[in-house]
Protein backbone atom coordinates (compact mmCIF):
# COMPACT_ATOMS: atom_id res chain seq x y z
CA MET A 1 127.26 88.28 87.33
CA GLN A 2 124.79 88.86 84.52
CA ASP A 3 121.40 90.51 85.02
CA GLU A 4 118.52 88.10 85.28
CA ALA A 5 115.20 88.42 83.47
CA ALA A 6 113.03 91.41 84.22
CA LEU A 7 110.76 90.99 87.24
CA GLY A 8 108.51 93.92 86.43
CA THR A 9 108.37 97.65 85.77
CA VAL A 10 108.01 100.67 88.02
CA SER A 11 104.38 101.79 88.03
CA GLU A 12 104.36 104.35 90.89
CA LEU A 13 106.95 106.53 92.63
CA TRP A 14 106.26 108.34 95.89
CA ARG A 15 107.93 110.61 98.39
CA TYR A 16 106.50 111.88 101.66
CA PRO A 17 107.65 115.45 102.37
CA ALA A 18 105.89 115.42 105.75
CA SER A 19 105.73 112.31 107.92
CA SER A 20 102.21 110.82 108.25
CA LEU A 21 100.67 113.26 105.74
CA ALA A 22 99.67 112.16 102.24
CA GLY A 23 102.52 111.47 99.85
CA GLU A 24 103.47 113.15 96.60
CA ARG A 25 103.28 110.94 93.51
CA LEU A 26 106.07 111.64 91.01
CA GLU A 27 107.26 110.50 87.61
CA THR A 28 110.92 110.59 88.68
CA ILE A 29 112.72 110.34 92.02
CA SER A 30 116.37 110.88 92.91
CA VAL A 31 117.70 108.25 95.32
CA ASP A 32 120.81 108.90 97.42
CA VAL A 33 122.54 106.53 99.83
CA GLU A 34 120.56 107.82 102.81
CA SER A 35 117.15 108.75 101.39
CA ILE A 36 115.04 109.92 98.49
CA ASP A 37 115.44 113.60 97.67
CA GLY A 38 112.67 115.50 99.46
CA ASP A 39 111.45 112.56 101.55
CA ARG A 40 110.34 113.01 105.20
CA LEU A 41 111.63 116.50 105.88
CA PHE A 42 108.81 117.67 108.18
CA GLY A 43 106.62 116.42 110.99
CA LEU A 44 103.20 117.41 112.35
CA VAL A 45 102.90 117.91 116.10
CA ASP A 46 100.29 118.67 118.73
CA ALA A 47 101.31 122.22 119.57
CA THR A 48 100.26 121.88 123.20
CA ASP A 49 102.76 119.15 124.08
CA ASN A 50 104.98 118.76 120.96
CA GLU A 51 103.79 115.16 120.46
CA ILE A 52 104.44 114.10 116.88
CA ALA A 53 101.53 112.73 114.85
CA ARG A 54 100.99 108.99 115.23
CA PRO A 55 97.94 107.96 113.17
CA ASP A 56 98.82 104.31 113.81
CA ARG A 57 98.31 104.75 117.56
CA GLU A 58 95.85 107.55 118.29
CA ALA A 59 92.46 108.29 116.74
CA LYS A 60 92.96 112.05 117.02
CA TRP A 61 95.47 111.78 114.16
CA HIS A 62 93.36 109.61 111.84
CA LYS A 63 92.50 112.49 109.49
CA VAL A 64 96.15 113.41 108.95
CA PRO A 65 96.75 111.10 105.91
CA ARG A 66 94.10 113.09 104.02
CA ILE A 67 96.23 116.25 104.16
CA ARG A 68 98.05 116.55 100.84
CA THR A 69 101.70 117.57 100.51
CA ARG A 70 104.08 118.62 97.77
CA LEU A 71 107.38 120.41 97.37
CA SER A 72 107.40 123.55 95.25
CA PRO A 73 110.02 124.09 92.52
CA ALA A 74 111.90 126.10 95.18
CA ARG A 75 111.76 123.02 97.45
CA GLU A 76 109.37 124.64 99.93
CA LEU A 77 106.68 122.50 101.52
CA GLU A 78 103.08 123.14 100.52
CA ILE A 79 100.08 121.46 102.14
CA ALA A 80 96.36 121.34 101.45
CA ILE A 81 93.59 120.10 103.71
CA PRO A 82 90.63 118.41 101.94
CA ASP A 83 88.77 120.96 99.77
CA GLY A 84 91.34 123.59 100.71
CA ASP A 85 93.91 125.57 98.75
CA TRP A 86 97.63 124.89 98.74
CA LEU A 87 99.38 126.75 101.57
CA ALA A 88 103.07 127.34 102.24
CA ALA A 89 104.34 125.50 105.32
CA PRO A 90 105.56 125.82 107.97
CA GLY A 91 103.63 128.99 108.68
CA ILE A 92 100.84 130.61 110.67
CA GLU A 93 98.25 130.17 107.91
CA SER A 94 99.02 126.50 107.28
CA ASP A 95 99.06 125.72 111.00
CA ARG A 96 95.72 127.48 111.42
CA ALA A 97 94.17 125.44 108.59
CA VAL A 98 95.51 122.13 109.90
CA SER A 99 94.40 122.95 113.45
CA ALA A 100 90.87 123.79 112.30
CA TYR A 101 90.72 120.55 110.29
CA LEU A 102 91.95 118.34 113.15
CA GLY A 103 90.05 120.13 115.92
CA PHE A 104 93.06 120.90 118.12
CA GLU A 105 96.14 123.11 117.93
CA ALA A 106 98.67 121.52 115.60
CA SER A 107 101.84 122.70 113.89
CA ILE A 108 104.02 121.57 110.99
CA ARG A 109 107.71 121.71 111.87
CA PRO A 110 110.92 120.68 110.10
CA PHE A 111 113.13 117.92 111.44
CA ARG A 112 116.21 120.00 110.63
CA ARG A 113 116.55 123.70 109.91
CA GLU A 114 118.20 123.04 106.55
CA ASN A 115 115.00 121.32 105.38
CA THR A 116 113.39 124.73 104.91
CA ALA A 117 114.21 127.02 102.03
CA SER A 118 113.12 130.40 103.38
CA GLY A 119 115.07 131.17 106.54
CA TYR A 120 112.67 129.46 108.92
CA SER A 121 113.57 130.22 112.55
CA GLY A 122 110.75 128.47 114.39
CA PRO A 123 110.83 125.28 116.46
CA LEU A 124 111.96 121.89 115.17
CA THR A 125 110.58 118.46 115.98
CA ALA A 126 112.22 115.07 116.50
CA GLU A 127 112.46 112.89 113.41
CA ARG A 128 110.49 109.67 113.26
CA TYR A 129 112.67 106.58 112.95
CA ARG A 130 113.77 105.62 109.45
CA LYS A 131 114.26 101.91 108.81
CA ALA A 132 115.97 102.21 105.43
CA PRO A 133 116.21 104.63 102.50
CA ILE A 134 113.72 102.82 100.25
CA HIS A 135 110.41 101.04 100.78
CA LEU A 136 109.53 98.84 97.80
CA LEU A 137 106.19 97.12 97.16
CA THR A 138 104.98 94.95 94.28
CA THR A 139 101.54 94.76 92.75
CA ALA A 140 101.89 90.98 93.10
CA SER A 141 101.78 91.35 96.90
CA LEU A 142 98.81 93.71 96.65
CA ALA A 143 97.07 91.09 94.48
CA ARG A 144 97.80 88.40 97.08
CA LEU A 145 96.28 90.58 99.81
CA LYS A 146 93.22 91.19 97.61
CA ALA A 147 92.84 87.43 97.10
CA LEU A 148 92.87 86.90 100.86
CA HIS A 149 90.57 89.86 101.55
CA PRO A 150 88.34 90.28 98.48
CA GLU A 151 86.06 92.88 100.04
CA GLY A 152 89.03 95.10 100.95
CA ILE A 153 90.84 97.78 98.99
CA PRO A 154 94.61 97.17 99.23
CA ASP A 155 95.48 100.55 97.75
CA ALA A 156 99.24 101.19 97.72
CA ARG A 157 98.68 104.45 99.63
CA ARG A 158 97.79 102.45 102.73
CA PHE A 159 101.41 101.21 102.85
CA ARG A 160 103.36 104.36 101.91
CA PRO A 161 105.87 102.79 99.50
CA ASN A 162 108.47 104.79 97.62
CA ILE A 163 108.57 102.39 94.67
CA VAL A 164 105.69 100.28 93.40
CA VAL A 165 106.68 97.63 90.86
CA ASP A 166 104.08 96.17 88.55
CA MET A 167 104.63 92.42 88.25
CA ALA A 168 102.50 89.37 87.64
CA ALA A 169 100.69 87.90 90.62
CA ILE A 170 102.13 84.69 92.07
CA GLU A 171 99.47 82.48 93.58
CA GLY A 172 99.87 82.08 97.33
CA SER A 173 102.88 84.41 97.54
CA PHE A 174 103.91 87.83 98.78
CA PRO A 175 106.99 87.57 96.55
CA GLU A 176 109.26 90.38 97.74
CA THR A 177 109.05 89.12 101.33
CA GLU A 178 111.00 86.10 100.07
CA TRP A 179 113.78 88.21 98.52
CA ILE A 180 115.56 89.34 101.71
CA GLY A 181 119.29 89.66 101.04
CA ARG A 182 118.94 89.74 97.25
CA LYS A 183 120.16 92.60 95.08
CA LEU A 184 118.03 94.50 92.57
CA ALA A 185 118.64 96.87 89.70
CA ILE A 186 116.01 99.45 88.79
CA GLY A 187 117.38 101.41 85.88
CA ASP A 188 120.80 102.57 87.13
CA LEU A 189 119.78 102.25 90.79
CA LEU A 190 121.24 99.27 92.68
CA LEU A 191 119.54 98.10 95.88
CA THR A 192 119.89 95.37 98.48
CA ILE A 193 116.68 94.11 100.04
CA SER A 194 117.41 94.37 103.75
CA GLU A 195 114.26 93.33 105.64
CA PRO A 196 110.49 92.90 105.36
CA CYS A 197 108.32 95.90 106.16
CA ARG A 198 106.31 95.17 109.29
CA ARG A 199 102.89 96.78 109.08
CA CYS A 200 101.08 98.80 111.74
CA GLY A 201 97.66 100.30 112.36
CA PHE A 202 98.25 103.02 109.76
CA THR A 203 97.30 100.49 107.07
CA ILE A 204 93.66 100.27 108.20
CA ILE A 205 92.96 104.04 108.29
CA ALA A 206 90.57 105.58 105.76
CA GLN A 207 91.96 107.85 103.05
CA ASP A 208 90.50 109.42 99.92
CA GLY A 209 88.89 106.61 97.95
CA PHE A 210 88.80 103.91 100.62
CA GLY A 211 87.44 103.44 104.12
CA ASN A 212 88.68 102.19 107.46
CA ASP A 213 89.37 98.45 107.18
CA PRO A 214 90.83 96.35 110.03
CA GLY A 215 90.76 93.33 107.71
CA ILE A 216 93.78 94.70 105.83
CA LEU A 217 96.09 94.34 108.82
CA ARG A 218 94.38 91.23 110.16
CA ASN A 219 95.16 89.32 106.96
CA LEU A 220 98.78 90.46 106.92
CA VAL A 221 99.17 89.29 110.51
CA ARG A 222 97.65 85.91 109.72
CA HIS A 223 99.24 85.22 106.35
CA ASN A 224 102.54 87.13 106.16
CA ALA A 225 103.80 87.64 109.75
CA HIS A 226 102.59 91.28 109.85
CA ASN A 227 104.58 92.16 106.70
CA LEU A 228 103.97 93.71 103.29
CA GLY A 229 106.68 95.09 101.05
CA VAL A 230 110.38 95.37 101.85
CA TYR A 231 112.98 97.88 102.95
CA CYS A 232 116.06 98.36 100.77
CA THR A 233 119.48 99.88 101.23
CA VAL A 234 121.18 101.72 98.38
CA ASP A 235 124.31 100.26 96.78
CA ARG A 236 124.47 102.75 93.89
CA PRO A 237 122.46 105.98 93.95
CA ALA A 238 120.60 107.08 90.83
CA SER A 239 117.46 108.73 89.56
CA ILE A 240 114.70 106.40 88.39
CA GLU A 241 111.42 106.96 86.60
CA VAL A 242 108.08 105.31 86.03
CA GLY A 243 108.52 102.59 83.41
CA ASP A 244 112.01 101.54 84.48
CA THR A 245 112.59 97.79 84.61
CA MET A 246 113.46 95.92 87.81
CA ARG A 247 115.78 92.90 87.73
CA PHE A 248 117.68 90.74 90.16
CA ILE A 249 121.45 91.18 90.02
């Protein structure tokens, strides 16, 4: 089957080295069958009871998405609280900084020991569920949400996508929600759109540049059955970069 016309181009690429913490925006990502390289390797827990961070459910975690993350060239996690320096994690210093920021004892821990690059021998934490390897979101859907909620700021960071595709707005439509079961090519990467991404309370939480906004989720509940963006499975792994074209297959 021949490729169809281009739907749009990749405008943003993200991975999330630590679940619930701020993502790392990249120019290139490497996508395998199971996940993006470097994505969701660590979790943040309440050190008193080992409860993993759930900003969508508990107010005590609402500041967590403001904590920045990145992977060093040696693939070691580094984190920075607002106005703070980058710190190696997991570690005593990083845990102390995060605990002081949140106001209770907290600790960054890997999901698996092989996720660390420096012989870490501390405790692990249970991995949050993973729906699918890729979360894809279009600017057309963000434009539709903005049209429904003009006073809101539908910043892509609210929704934690891996791939943001810039495409023309379609009046009255969240287009990718209608593509379930279709196949896409992004550069050499081949994907199948498996299911819509059901949104939760994380989407309303304030981050750098925008405030708390219940109207974001309220409009998705009313107008798109709780959904924004789609999950995708990987048919052919590849690296992709900002500017790559997306097409139906």
